[in-house]
């Protein structure tokens, strides 16, 4: 509650300096955009839309085997995935600050990230959990004096002041004109930055037989930069939502076959994977795995995850390693939060537990709305 008391004091002080149009009820929760993860994937891969290089030396460059079986490899047989990371957030629109001809929305957000560790007996415990509190406003939309007052007050509290007008790869996906809309991207950027901090903290605990699965793409900087600096990286990114515009080319010359992602995944059977391709000059290797039978689902791309492997050497990756990772991922589908999350068909249960741990640590909407009222 302390952070809300501090935020309430900031709101009280700033309202004495400028005119304020408060949000209805004091705070309105911002809703997540369902397609944002897909748009992030496009942004991280901007400039790469056609993938021609099968990044597996074991597969023929001219006639690669299009799909490979990856039956489940349970942890009783082999237990490589020990750590699981996910992040979450809650964001609220508090109101609009009016200063002569200037105006800026003001938002409050909680961003969190959690790493859970799974033991040999299957039990899962929290390894790392961090939550940060953020106050967001547009520096370029306020006078220097008002912004300086916000900075001073935030520096003396548990809040971090974030500039909505500062550019970054996530919030740049949204309009610069509508800062209220842009706040969602800025909050996601802060969440990914916190996830990067936890990855860096967990890396020393990883080894050849101890891997980390991170929810989402590894191509967000600084995550990619952190992983690229290592000699080896036992980190896998698993995305439930991914871009739908790439094209894949198989073979060479006039017999080369081009497939859209829809065609590639529509023919992908359960417990099978596609060939692996390179991205970002080989720093990341990615492929797709179908976790579930299509007959159980409504849409051909449901039940499929995009898998990314950090690849510091930038050399092709052995097929047996990709098979092993894929088989272990297929085994993770066994327990899913059906009915509790619309993405159940592509969920990995320990990732769901990490996300749940973060959400349980965030202040509820009712508490935030009761505390945050402009005076």
Foldseek 3Di string as FASTA:
>chain_A
DQQLVLVQVLLQVLCVVFPWDWDVLQKDKDDDDPCQLAVLQCLLFPPAFEFQDQLAPVADQAAGDFKDFQAADEVVRANQEFKEKEKDKIKIWRTWTDDPPFIKTKMKMKIKMWMWTADSVGDIDTDDIDIAIEIEIAPVRDDPVSVVSVCVSQVVHRYDYDHLQDDDSQLVVDDSVPSVVSVSSVSVLVNVVVRLVVCLVCFVVHDPRYAYEYEGDCSDPPSLVSLLPDPAHRYKYKYLHHHQRHKYWGRDDPPIDIDGPLVSQLPHAASMKGRWTAGPLQQKIKIKHALDGCVVDDGSSQRMIIMIGGDNVSHRDHPVVVSVVRSNLSNQLPDFPPPPDPNRSHDRVVNVVRHVVNVVPDDDPVVSSVSRHRD
